Amino acid sequence: MHSPGDSPHSTHGILTPQQGLERFHLQRFEVDSRLADHVSGLWSVSWDLGDQGYEQEILPFPRVNIGFERGEARVVGPSAERFVARLSGSGSVLGVRFEPAGFAAFSDRPMSAWVGAQAAVTDVFGAEGEALFQELGGLCGEFLEPRVPAARLEQARRSVEGFLVERLQRHEVETPRLVNALVERAQRDRRLLRAEQLAEVANCSLRSLQRLFERFVGVGPKWVLCRARAQEAAERISSGEEVDWVKLALDLGYHDQAHFIRDFKAQIGFTPTAYAARCRAR
């Protein structure tokens, strides 16, 4: 499965991306095919800001990420809110980006318990997780280097993949393809405006769909639909092209522009025109 944010050069979910990409370097990597149902890709962010700092706002996807960085390695659950990544000095992060329903195979908790939650890798994966963190720290210069050499980054990627593949092979896991496909459909199909419509696509009741999302994704189908539209709107506004606001609202399935503005502000924190002004500022 591939969401709009999975392509190597995508800025989907990164707010005011032009300013951010002037300050940090983002790379995305494909993963071993054996992980395809569970992991959408690996990513790396590196920066060298001198004595400056930078705050990057993110409007995240409904997914779990694991981040390995200076001094810590954490499992970060789906976030219902915008969050701010604070960068300073120089450094790097190596991350794993799971499919929307992909982390359920690695967790003994329902995914609803992960929403807004974080945990140390050692709390989730024990001593083996700590050993992986130490190995990656050695390969990535303890995540202090502003740019990790490609050969070492590739070795780190293979280590992470091997770690996850081994865990999948230890257990009989339910393949979450249906749920991943439904989330992808919700993100791409602008004809889907209500959770009831997505339930029709899944050929199940709305309550069954909600339980499925609660178990495997953590957030409900209505939330996924709203977040997808906000992310697409933000990406189109940040492209730098002239925006026809009425057309944008209609393209996203809104027949009432006031409804579009209200939903956008609830997700992004700014009205569409105010966000456009922020994107133009340098």
C-alpha atoms as a PDB file:
ATOM      1  CA  MET A   1       0.000   0.000   0.000  1.00  0.00           C
ATOM      2  CA  HIS A   2       1.175   3.509  -0.711  1.00  0.00           C
ATOM      3  CA  SER A   3      -0.382   6.645   0.748  1.00  0.00           C
ATOM      4  CA  PRO A   4       0.174  10.125  -0.712  1.00  0.00           C
ATOM      5  CA  GLY A   5       3.087  10.595   1.684  1.00  0.00           C
ATOM      6  CA  ASP A   6       5.068   7.506   0.747  1.00  0.00           C
ATOM      7  CA  SER A   7       6.871   8.768  -2.366  1.00  0.00           C
ATOM      8  CA  PRO A   8      10.572   9.639  -1.906  1.00  0.00           C
ATOM      9  CA  HIS A   9      10.085  13.382  -2.423  1.00  0.00           C
ATOM     10  CA  SER A  10       6.703  13.826  -0.749  1.00  0.00           C
ATOM     11  CA  THR A  11       6.162  16.627   1.759  1.00  0.00           C
ATOM     12  CA  HIS A  12       2.651  15.405   2.586  1.00  0.00           C
ATOM     13  CA  GLY A  13       1.931  16.166   6.242  1.00  0.00           C
ATOM     14  CA  ILE A  14       4.843  18.617   6.616  1.00  0.00           C
ATOM     15  CA  LEU A  15       3.426  22.103   7.177  1.00  0.00           C
ATOM     16  CA  THR A  16       5.116  25.058   5.432  1.00  0.00           C
ATOM     17  CA  PRO A  17       7.514  22.550   3.836  1.00  0.00           C
ATOM     18  CA  GLN A  18       9.552  25.004   1.755  1.00  0.00           C
ATOM     19  CA  GLN A  19      10.929  26.693   4.862  1.00  0.00           C
ATOM     20  CA  GLY A  20      11.637  23.382   6.547  1.00  0.00           C
ATOM     21  CA  LEU A  21      13.495  21.791   3.646  1.00  0.00           C
ATOM     22  CA  GLU A  22      15.885  24.742   3.644  1.00  0.00           C
ATOM     23  CA  ARG A  23      16.917  23.716   7.166  1.00  0.00           C
ATOM     24  CA  PHE A  24      16.903  19.920   7.182  1.00  0.00           C
ATOM     25  CA  HIS A  25      17.477  17.068   4.750  1.00  0.00           C
ATOM     26  CA  LEU A  26      14.770  14.402   4.451  1.00  0.00           C
ATOM     27  CA  GLN A  27      15.331  10.996   2.866  1.00  0.00           C
ATOM     28  CA  ARG A  28      12.871   8.124   2.448  1.00  0.00           C
ATOM     29  CA  PHE A  29      13.751   4.485   1.763  1.00  0.00           C
ATOM     30  CA  GLU A  30      11.747   1.504   0.576  1.00  0.00           C
ATOM     31  CA  VAL A  31      11.728  -1.621   2.725  1.00  0.00           C
ATOM     32  CA  ASP A  32      12.134  -5.364   2.375  1.00  0.00           C
ATOM     33  CA  SER A  33       9.118  -6.862   0.576  1.00  0.00           C
ATOM     34  CA  ARG A  34       8.535  -9.183   3.549  1.00  0.00           C
ATOM     35  CA  LEU A  35       7.531  -6.096   5.544  1.00  0.00           C
ATOM     36  CA  ALA A  36       5.295  -4.598   2.856  1.00  0.00           C
ATOM     37  CA  ASP A  37       2.006  -5.191   4.701  1.00  0.00           C
ATOM     38  CA  HIS A  38       3.339  -3.653   7.899  1.00  0.00           C
ATOM     39  CA  VAL A  39       5.954  -0.993   7.101  1.00  0.00           C
ATOM     40  CA  SER A  40       5.567   1.713   4.449  1.00  0.00           C
ATOM     41  CA  GLY A  41       9.185   2.813   4.582  1.00  0.00           C
ATOM     42  CA  LEU A  42      12.171   4.056   6.521  1.00  0.00           C
ATOM     43  CA  TRP A  43      13.139   7.702   6.724  1.00  0.00           C
ATOM     44  CA  SER A  44      16.062   9.830   7.811  1.00  0.00           C
ATOM     45  CA  VAL A  45      16.202  13.495   8.767  1.00  0.00           C
ATOM     46  CA  SER A  46      19.521  15.302   9.231  1.00  0.00           C
ATOM     47  CA  TRP A  47      20.350  18.928   9.967  1.00  0.00           C
ATOM     48  CA  ASP A  48      23.178  21.341  10.708  1.00  0.00           C
ATOM     49  CA  LEU A  49      21.808  24.601  12.112  1.00  0.00           C
ATOM     50  CA  GLY A  50      24.922  25.893  13.874  1.00  0.00           C
ATOM     51  CA  ASP A  51      23.782  27.787  16.952  1.00  0.00           C
ATOM     52  CA  GLN A  52      20.280  28.214  15.546  1.00  0.00           C
ATOM     53  CA  GLY A  53      17.116  26.247  16.185  1.00  0.00           C
ATOM     54  CA  TYR A  54      14.072  25.449  14.109  1.00  0.00           C
ATOM     55  CA  GLU A  55      10.563  24.247  14.876  1.00  0.00           C
ATOM     56  CA  GLN A  56       8.836  22.152  12.212  1.00  0.00           C
ATOM     57  CA  GLU A  57       5.093  21.616  12.466  1.00  0.00           C
ATOM     58  CA  ILE A  58       3.768  18.226  11.370  1.00  0.00           C
ATOM     59  CA  LEU A  59       0.189  17.162  10.626  1.00  0.00           C
ATOM     60  CA  PRO A  60       0.752  13.421  10.979  1.00  0.00           C
ATOM     61  CA  PHE A  61      -0.792  10.417   9.306  1.00  0.00           C
ATOM     62  CA  PRO A  62      -2.652   7.821  11.408  1.00  0.00           C
ATOM     63  CA  ARG A  63       0.474   5.680  11.801  1.00  0.00           C
ATOM     64  CA  VAL A  64       3.054   4.573  14.307  1.00  0.00           C
ATOM     65  CA  ASN A  65       6.667   5.681  13.867  1.00  0.00           C
ATOM     66  CA  ILE A  66       9.810   4.491  15.610  1.00  0.00           C
ATOM     67  CA  GLY A  67      12.517   7.131  15.892  1.00  0.00           C
ATOM     68  CA  PHE A  68      16.168   6.457  16.725  1.00  0.00           C
ATOM     69  CA  GLU A  69      18.003   9.632  17.690  1.00  0.00           C
ATOM     70  CA  ARG A  70      20.591  11.091  20.022  1.00  0.00           C
ATOM     71  CA  GLY A  71      20.146   9.552  23.451  1.00  0.00           C
ATOM     72  CA  GLU A  72      16.830   7.808  22.878  1.00  0.00           C
ATOM     73  CA  ALA A  73      14.761   5.483  20.739  1.00  0.00           C
ATOM     74  CA  ARG A  74      10.993   5.753  20.975  1.00  0.00           C
ATOM     75  CA  VAL A  75       7.838   4.234  19.563  1.00  0.00           C
ATOM     76  CA  VAL A  76       5.466   7.102  18.783  1.00  0.00           C
ATOM     77  CA  GLY A  77       1.784   6.310  18.367  1.00  0.00           C
ATOM     78  CA  PRO A  78      -0.646   8.022  15.995  1.00  0.00           C
ATOM     79  CA  SER A  79      -1.176  11.657  16.936  1.00  0.00           C
ATOM     80  CA  ALA A  80      -4.616  13.210  16.714  1.00  0.00           C
ATOM     81  CA  GLU A  81      -3.067  16.683  16.972  1.00  0.00           C
ATOM     82  CA  ARG A  82      -0.439  18.671  15.147  1.00  0.00           C
ATOM     83  CA  PHE A  83       2.948  18.389  16.761  1.00  0.00           C
ATOM     84  CA  VAL A  84       6.196  20.309  16.605  1.00  0.00           C
ATOM     85  CA  ALA A  85       9.608  18.741  15.941  1.00  0.00           C
ATOM     86  CA  ARG A  86      12.278  20.942  17.547  1.00  0.00           C
ATOM     87  CA  LEU A  87      15.709  20.857  15.913  1.00  0.00           C
ATOM     88  CA  SER A  88      18.888  22.493  17.205  1.00  0.00           C
ATOM     89  CA  GLY A  89      22.619  22.277  16.538  1.00  0.00           C
ATOM     90  CA  SER A  90      23.375  19.320  14.290  1.00  0.00           C
ATOM     91  CA  GLY A  91      22.170  15.751  14.267  1.00  0.00           C
ATOM     92  CA  SER A  92      20.073  13.102  12.614  1.00  0.00           C
ATOM     93  CA  VAL A  93      17.142  10.771  13.194  1.00  0.00           C
ATOM     94  CA  LEU A  94      16.517   7.374  11.637  1.00  0.00           C
ATOM     95  CA  GLY A  95      12.877   6.348  11.595  1.00  0.00           C
ATOM     96  CA  VAL A  96      10.483   3.556  10.704  1.00  0.00           C
ATOM     97  CA  ARG A  97       7.097   4.514   9.305  1.00  0.00           C
ATOM     98  CA  PHE A  98       4.493   1.796   9.676  1.00  0.00           C
ATOM     99  CA  GLU A  99       1.462   1.204   7.521  1.00  0.00           C
ATOM    100  CA  PRO A 100      -1.741   2.507   9.173  1.00  0.00           C
ATOM    101  CA  ALA A 101      -2.587  -0.976  10.482  1.00  0.00           C
ATOM    102  CA  GLY A 102       0.958  -2.302  10.420  1.00  0.00           C
ATOM    103  CA  PHE A 103       2.132  -1.881  13.998  1.00  0.00           C
ATOM    104  CA  ALA A 104      -0.664  -3.997  15.486  1.00  0.00           C
ATOM    105  CA  ALA A 105       1.392  -7.118  14.742  1.00  0.00           C
ATOM    106  CA  PHE A 106       4.188  -5.819  16.997  1.00  0.00           C
ATOM    107  CA  SER A 107       2.013  -4.686  19.902  1.00  0.00           C
ATOM    108  CA  ASP A 108       0.118  -6.528  22.607  1.00  0.00           C
ATOM    109  CA  ARG A 109      -2.086  -3.455  23.112  1.00  0.00           C
ATOM    110  CA  PRO A 110      -5.019  -2.374  20.918  1.00  0.00           C
ATOM    111  CA  MET A 111      -3.964   0.443  18.636  1.00  0.00           C
ATOM    112  CA  SER A 112      -6.463   2.795  20.297  1.00  0.00           C
ATOM    113  CA  ALA A 113      -4.177   2.675  23.360  1.00  0.00           C
ATOM    114  CA  TRP A 114      -1.317   4.050  21.259  1.00  0.00           C
ATOM    115  CA  VAL A 115      -3.092   7.231  20.125  1.00  0.00           C
ATOM    116  CA  GLY A 116      -1.124  10.165  21.516  1.00  0.00           C
ATOM    117  CA  ALA A 117       1.160   7.755  23.396  1.00  0.00           C
ATOM    118  CA  GLN A 118       4.893   7.075  23.280  1.00  0.00           C
ATOM    119  CA  ALA A 119       7.116   4.389  24.765  1.00  0.00           C
ATOM    120  CA  ALA A 120      10.817   3.634  24.860  1.00  0.00           C
ATOM    121  CA  VAL A 121      11.888   0.983  22.365  1.00  0.00           C
ATOM    122  CA  THR A 122      13.204  -1.069  25.293  1.00  0.00           C
ATOM    123  CA  ASP A 123       9.722  -1.078  26.873  1.00  0.00           C
ATOM    124  CA  VAL A 124       8.231  -2.509  23.684  1.00  0.00           C
ATOM    125  CA  PHE A 125      11.021  -4.763  22.392  1.00  0.00           C
ATOM    126  CA  GLY A 126      13.082  -5.380  25.529  1.00  0.00           C
ATOM    127  CA  ALA A 127      16.822  -6.012  25.492  1.00  0.00           C
ATOM    128  CA  GLU A 128      16.759  -6.770  21.765  1.00  0.00           C
ATOM    129  CA  GLY A 129      15.403  -3.287  21.115  1.00  0.00           C
ATOM    130  CA  GLU A 130      18.209  -1.788  23.199  1.00  0.00           C
ATOM    131  CA  ALA A 131      20.781  -3.828  21.266  1.00  0.00           C
ATOM    132  CA  LEU A 132      19.382  -2.517  17.976  1.00  0.00           C
ATOM    133  CA  PHE A 133      19.548   1.067  19.260  1.00  0.00           C
ATOM    134  CA  GLN A 134      23.187   0.642  20.261  1.00  0.00           C
ATOM    135  CA  GLU A 135      24.033  -0.882  16.875  1.00  0.00           C
ATOM    136  CA  LEU A 136      22.346   1.960  14.996  1.00  0.00           C
ATOM    137  CA  GLY A 137      24.036   4.556  17.186  1.00  0.00           C
ATOM    138  CA  GLY A 138      27.408   3.110  16.239  1.00  0.00           C
ATOM    139  CA  LEU A 139      26.553   3.186  12.540  1.00  0.00           C
ATOM    140  CA  CYS A 140      25.067   6.684  12.650  1.00  0.00           C
ATOM    141  CA  GLY A 141      27.707   8.378  14.823  1.00  0.00           C
ATOM    142  CA  GLU A 142      25.401   8.353  17.862  1.00  0.00           C
ATOM    143  CA  PHE A 143      23.053  10.492  15.704  1.00  0.00           C
ATOM    144  CA  LEU A 144      25.302  13.527  16.203  1.00  0.00           C
ATOM    145  CA  GLU A 145      26.454  13.775  12.587  1.00  0.00           C
ATOM    146  CA  PRO A 146      24.605  16.228  10.335  1.00  0.00           C
ATOM    147  CA  ARG A 147      24.840  13.790   7.421  1.00  0.00           C
ATOM    148  CA  VAL A 148      25.388  10.045   7.863  1.00  0.00           C
ATOM    149  CA  PRO A 149      27.422   8.495   4.998  1.00  0.00           C
ATOM    150  CA  ALA A 150      25.212   6.573   2.569  1.00  0.00           C
ATOM    151  CA  ALA A 151      26.975   3.227   3.111  1.00  0.00           C
ATOM    152  CA  ARG A 152      26.465   3.353   6.878  1.00  0.00           C
ATOM    153  CA  LEU A 153      22.882   4.524   6.492  1.00  0.00           C
ATOM    154  CA  GLU A 154      22.209   1.579   4.180  1.00  0.00           C
ATOM    155  CA  GLN A 155      23.692  -0.811   6.742  1.00  0.00           C
ATOM    156  CA  ALA A 156      21.502   0.726   9.432  1.00  0.00           C
ATOM    157  CA  ARG A 157      18.454   0.292   7.210  1.00  0.00           C
ATOM    158  CA  ARG A 158      19.216  -3.399   6.728  1.00  0.00           C
ATOM    159  CA  SER A 159      19.636  -3.872  10.488  1.00  0.00           C
ATOM    160  CA  VAL A 160      16.221  -2.347  11.192  1.00  0.00           C
ATOM    161  CA  GLU A 161      14.584  -4.447   8.495  1.00  0.00           C
ATOM    162  CA  GLY A 162      16.165  -7.642   9.796  1.00  0.00           C
ATOM    163  CA  PHE A 163      15.010  -6.832  13.321  1.00  0.00           C
ATOM    164  CA  LEU A 164      11.390  -6.365  12.223  1.00  0.00           C
ATOM    165  CA  VAL A 165      11.311  -9.327   9.823  1.00  0.00           C
ATOM    166  CA  GLU A 166      12.555 -11.623  12.578  1.00  0.00           C
ATOM    167  CA  ARG A 167       9.753 -10.515  14.881  1.00  0.00           C
ATOM    168  CA  LEU A 168       7.099 -11.086  12.255  1.00  0.00           C
ATOM    169  CA  GLN A 169       8.427 -14.582  11.619  1.00  0.00           C
ATOM    170  CA  ARG A 170       8.217 -15.496  15.309  1.00  0.00           C
ATOM    171  CA  HIS A 171       4.447 -15.108  15.488  1.00  0.00           C
ATOM    172  CA  GLU A 172       1.362 -15.886  13.489  1.00  0.00           C
ATOM    173  CA  VAL A 173       0.108 -12.417  12.632  1.00  0.00           C
ATOM    174  CA  GLU A 174      -3.088 -11.260  10.997  1.00  0.00           C
ATOM    175  CA  THR A 175      -2.303  -9.507   7.743  1.00  0.00           C
ATOM    176  CA  PRO A 176      -3.851  -6.016   7.869  1.00  0.00           C
ATOM    177  CA  ARG A 177      -4.205  -5.585   4.106  1.00  0.00           C
ATOM    178  CA  LEU A 178      -7.924  -4.808   4.190  1.00  0.00           C
ATOM    179  CA  VAL A 179      -7.546  -2.045   6.763  1.00  0.00           C
ATOM    180  CA  ASN A 180      -4.529  -0.540   4.999  1.00  0.00           C
ATOM    181  CA  ALA A 181      -6.487  -0.565   1.731  1.00  0.00           C
ATOM    182  CA  LEU A 182      -9.439   1.181   3.377  1.00  0.00           C
ATOM    183  CA  VAL A 183      -7.213   3.903   4.827  1.00  0.00           C
ATOM    184  CA  GLU A 184      -5.576   4.395   1.438  1.00  0.00           C
ATOM    185  CA  ARG A 185      -9.013   4.615  -0.198  1.00  0.00           C
ATOM    186  CA  ALA A 186     -10.088   7.204   2.379  1.00  0.00           C
ATOM    187  CA  GLN A 187      -6.985   9.264   1.634  1.00  0.00           C
ATOM    188  CA  ARG A 188      -7.368   9.171  -2.147  1.00  0.00           C
ATOM    189  CA  ASP A 189     -11.078   8.990  -2.984  1.00  0.00           C
ATOM    190  CA  ARG A 190     -12.590  12.451  -2.649  1.00  0.00           C
ATOM    191  CA  ARG A 191     -16.076  11.037  -3.211  1.00  0.00           C
ATOM    192  CA  LEU A 192     -15.878   9.546   0.280  1.00  0.00           C
ATOM    193  CA  LEU A 193     -17.078  12.223   2.671  1.00  0.00           C
ATOM    194  CA  ARG A 194     -18.626  10.175   5.473  1.00  0.00           C
ATOM    195  CA  ALA A 195     -17.612   7.098   7.428  1.00  0.00           C
ATOM    196  CA  GLU A 196     -20.849   5.406   6.342  1.00  0.00           C
ATOM    197  CA  GLN A 197     -19.648   5.550   2.727  1.00  0.00           C
ATOM    198  CA  LEU A 198     -16.369   3.880   3.658  1.00  0.00           C
ATOM    199  CA  ALA A 199     -18.348   1.171   5.475  1.00  0.00           C
ATOM    200  CA  GLU A 200     -20.210   0.516   2.220  1.00  0.00           C
ATOM    201  CA  VAL A 201     -16.858   0.129   0.438  1.00  0.00           C
ATOM    202  CA  ALA A 202     -15.803  -2.372   3.114  1.00  0.00           C
ATOM    203  CA  ASN A 203     -19.171  -4.146   2.861  1.00  0.00           C
ATOM    204  CA  CYS A 204     -19.713  -3.992   6.599  1.00  0.00           C
ATOM    205  CA  SER A 205     -21.703  -2.003   9.133  1.00  0.00           C
ATOM    206  CA  LEU A 206     -20.428   1.334  10.388  1.00  0.00           C
ATOM    207  CA  ARG A 207     -19.958  -0.133  13.873  1.00  0.00           C
ATOM    208  CA  SER A 208     -17.921  -3.038  12.490  1.00  0.00           C
ATOM    209  CA  LEU A 209     -15.748  -0.579  10.565  1.00  0.00           C
ATOM    210  CA  GLN A 210     -15.221   1.525  13.682  1.00  0.00           C
ATOM    211  CA  ARG A 211     -14.168  -1.553  15.686  1.00  0.00           C
ATOM    212  CA  LEU A 212     -11.792  -2.591  12.906  1.00  0.00           C
ATOM    213  CA  PHE A 213     -10.142   0.843  12.886  1.00  0.00           C
ATOM    214  CA  GLU A 214      -9.987   0.962  16.681  1.00  0.00           C
ATOM    215  CA  ARG A 215      -8.188  -2.383  16.783  1.00  0.00           C
ATOM    216  CA  PHE A 216      -5.754  -1.907  13.911  1.00  0.00           C
ATOM    217  CA  VAL A 217      -5.369   1.879  13.352  1.00  0.00           C
ATOM    218  CA  GLY A 218      -6.303   3.506  16.639  1.00  0.00           C
ATOM    219  CA  VAL A 219      -8.449   6.315  15.244  1.00  0.00           C
ATOM    220  CA  GLY A 220     -11.873   6.175  13.634  1.00  0.00           C
ATOM    221  CA  PRO A 221     -12.731   6.293   9.930  1.00  0.00           C
ATOM    222  CA  LYS A 222     -14.293   9.762  10.238  1.00  0.00           C
ATOM    223  CA  TRP A 223     -11.026  11.105  11.664  1.00  0.00           C
ATOM    224  CA  VAL A 224      -9.045   9.528   8.804  1.00  0.00           C
ATOM    225  CA  LEU A 225     -11.309  11.143   6.199  1.00  0.00           C
ATOM    226  CA  CYS A 226     -11.037  14.609   7.785  1.00  0.00           C
ATOM    227  CA  ARG A 227      -7.263  14.382   8.222  1.00  0.00           C
ATOM    228  CA  ALA A 228      -6.760  13.263   4.611  1.00  0.00           C
ATOM    229  CA  ARG A 229      -8.649  16.266   3.256  1.00  0.00           C
ATOM    230  CA  ALA A 230      -6.756  18.680   5.504  1.00  0.00           C
ATOM    231  CA  GLN A 231      -3.409  17.226   4.410  1.00  0.00           C
ATOM    232  CA  GLU A 232      -4.284  17.468   0.733  1.00  0.00           C
ATOM    233  CA  ALA A 233      -5.494  21.041   1.130  1.00  0.00           C
ATOM    234  CA  ALA A 234      -2.313  22.023   2.986  1.00  0.00           C
ATOM    235  CA  GLU A 235      -0.124  20.435   0.318  1.00  0.00           C
ATOM    236  CA  ARG A 236      -1.922  22.207  -2.518  1.00  0.00           C
ATOM    237  CA  ILE A 237      -1.784  25.549  -0.724  1.00  0.00           C
ATOM    238  CA  SER A 238       1.949  25.175  -0.012  1.00  0.00           C
ATOM    239  CA  SER A 239       2.743  24.391  -3.669  1.00  0.00           C
ATOM    240  CA  GLY A 240       3.105  28.112  -4.373  1.00  0.00           C
ATOM    241  CA  GLU A 241       0.525  28.116  -7.154  1.00  0.00           C
ATOM    242  CA  GLU A 242      -2.425  30.502  -7.193  1.00  0.00           C
ATOM    243  CA  VAL A 243      -5.316  28.923  -5.290  1.00  0.00           C
ATOM    244  CA  ASP A 244      -8.932  29.097  -6.411  1.00  0.00           C
ATOM    245  CA  TRP A 245     -10.524  28.692  -2.985  1.00  0.00           C
ATOM    246  CA  VAL A 246     -13.979  27.765  -4.252  1.00  0.00           C
ATOM    247  CA  LYS A 247     -12.531  25.125  -6.594  1.00  0.00           C
ATOM    248  CA  LEU A 248     -10.275  23.729  -3.856  1.00  0.00           C
ATOM    249  CA  ALA A 249     -13.221  23.289  -1.504  1.00  0.00           C
ATOM    250  CA  LEU A 250     -15.263  21.576  -4.233  1.00  0.00           C
ATOM    251  CA  ASP A 251     -12.336  19.333  -5.219  1.00  0.00           C
ATOM    252  CA  LEU A 252     -12.132  18.133  -1.623  1.00  0.00           C
ATOM    253  CA  GLY A 253     -15.830  17.319  -1.528  1.00  0.00           C
ATOM    254  CA  TYR A 254     -17.076  20.408   0.297  1.00  0.00           C
ATOM    255  CA  HIS A 255     -20.210  22.088  -1.015  1.00  0.00           C
ATOM    256  CA  ASP A 256     -19.995  24.800   1.621  1.00  0.00           C
ATOM    257  CA  GLN A 257     -16.787  26.860   1.721  1.00  0.00           C
ATOM    258  CA  ALA A 258     -17.434  27.860   5.324  1.00  0.00           C
ATOM    259  CA  HIS A 259     -17.414  24.158   6.239  1.00  0.00           C
ATOM    260  CA  PHE A 260     -14.060  23.732   4.474  1.00  0.00           C
ATOM    261  CA  ILE A 261     -12.557  26.726   6.282  1.00  0.00           C
ATOM    262  CA  ARG A 262     -13.829  25.478   9.639  1.00  0.00           C
ATOM    263  CA  ASP A 263     -12.461  21.956   9.146  1.00  0.00           C
ATOM    264  CA  PHE A 264      -9.114  23.236   7.844  1.00  0.00           C
ATOM    265  CA  LYS A 265      -8.614  25.563  10.804  1.00  0.00           C
ATOM    266  CA  ALA A 266      -9.536  22.793  13.254  1.00  0.00           C
ATOM    267  CA  GLN A 267      -6.814  20.554  11.780  1.00  0.00           C
ATOM    268  CA  ILE A 268      -4.093  23.069  10.837  1.00  0.00           C
ATOM    269  CA  GLY A 269      -4.646  25.849  13.363  1.00  0.00           C
ATOM    270  CA  PHE A 270      -5.004  28.579  10.719  1.00  0.00           C
ATOM    271  CA  THR A 271      -7.565  29.527   8.112  1.00  0.00           C
ATOM    272  CA  PRO A 272      -6.591  28.534   4.550  1.00  0.00           C
ATOM    273  CA  THR A 273      -5.665  32.123   3.620  1.00  0.00           C
ATOM    274  CA  ALA A 274      -3.598  32.591   6.789  1.00  0.00           C
ATOM    275  CA  TYR A 275      -1.783  29.316   6.104  1.00  0.00           C
ATOM    276  CA  ALA A 276      -1.096  30.428   2.515  1.00  0.00           C
ATOM    277  CA  ALA A 277       0.470  33.625   3.886  1.00  0.00           C
ATOM    278  CA  ARG A 278       2.695  31.580   6.217  1.00  0.00           C
ATOM    279  CA  CYS A 279       3.838  29.426   3.305  1.00  0.00           C
ATOM    280  CA  ARG A 280       4.818  32.535   1.329  1.00  0.00           C
ATOM    281  CA  ALA A 281       6.826  33.978   4.234  1.00  0.00           C
ATOM    282  CA  ARG A 282      10.553  33.225   4.281  1.00  0.00           C
END
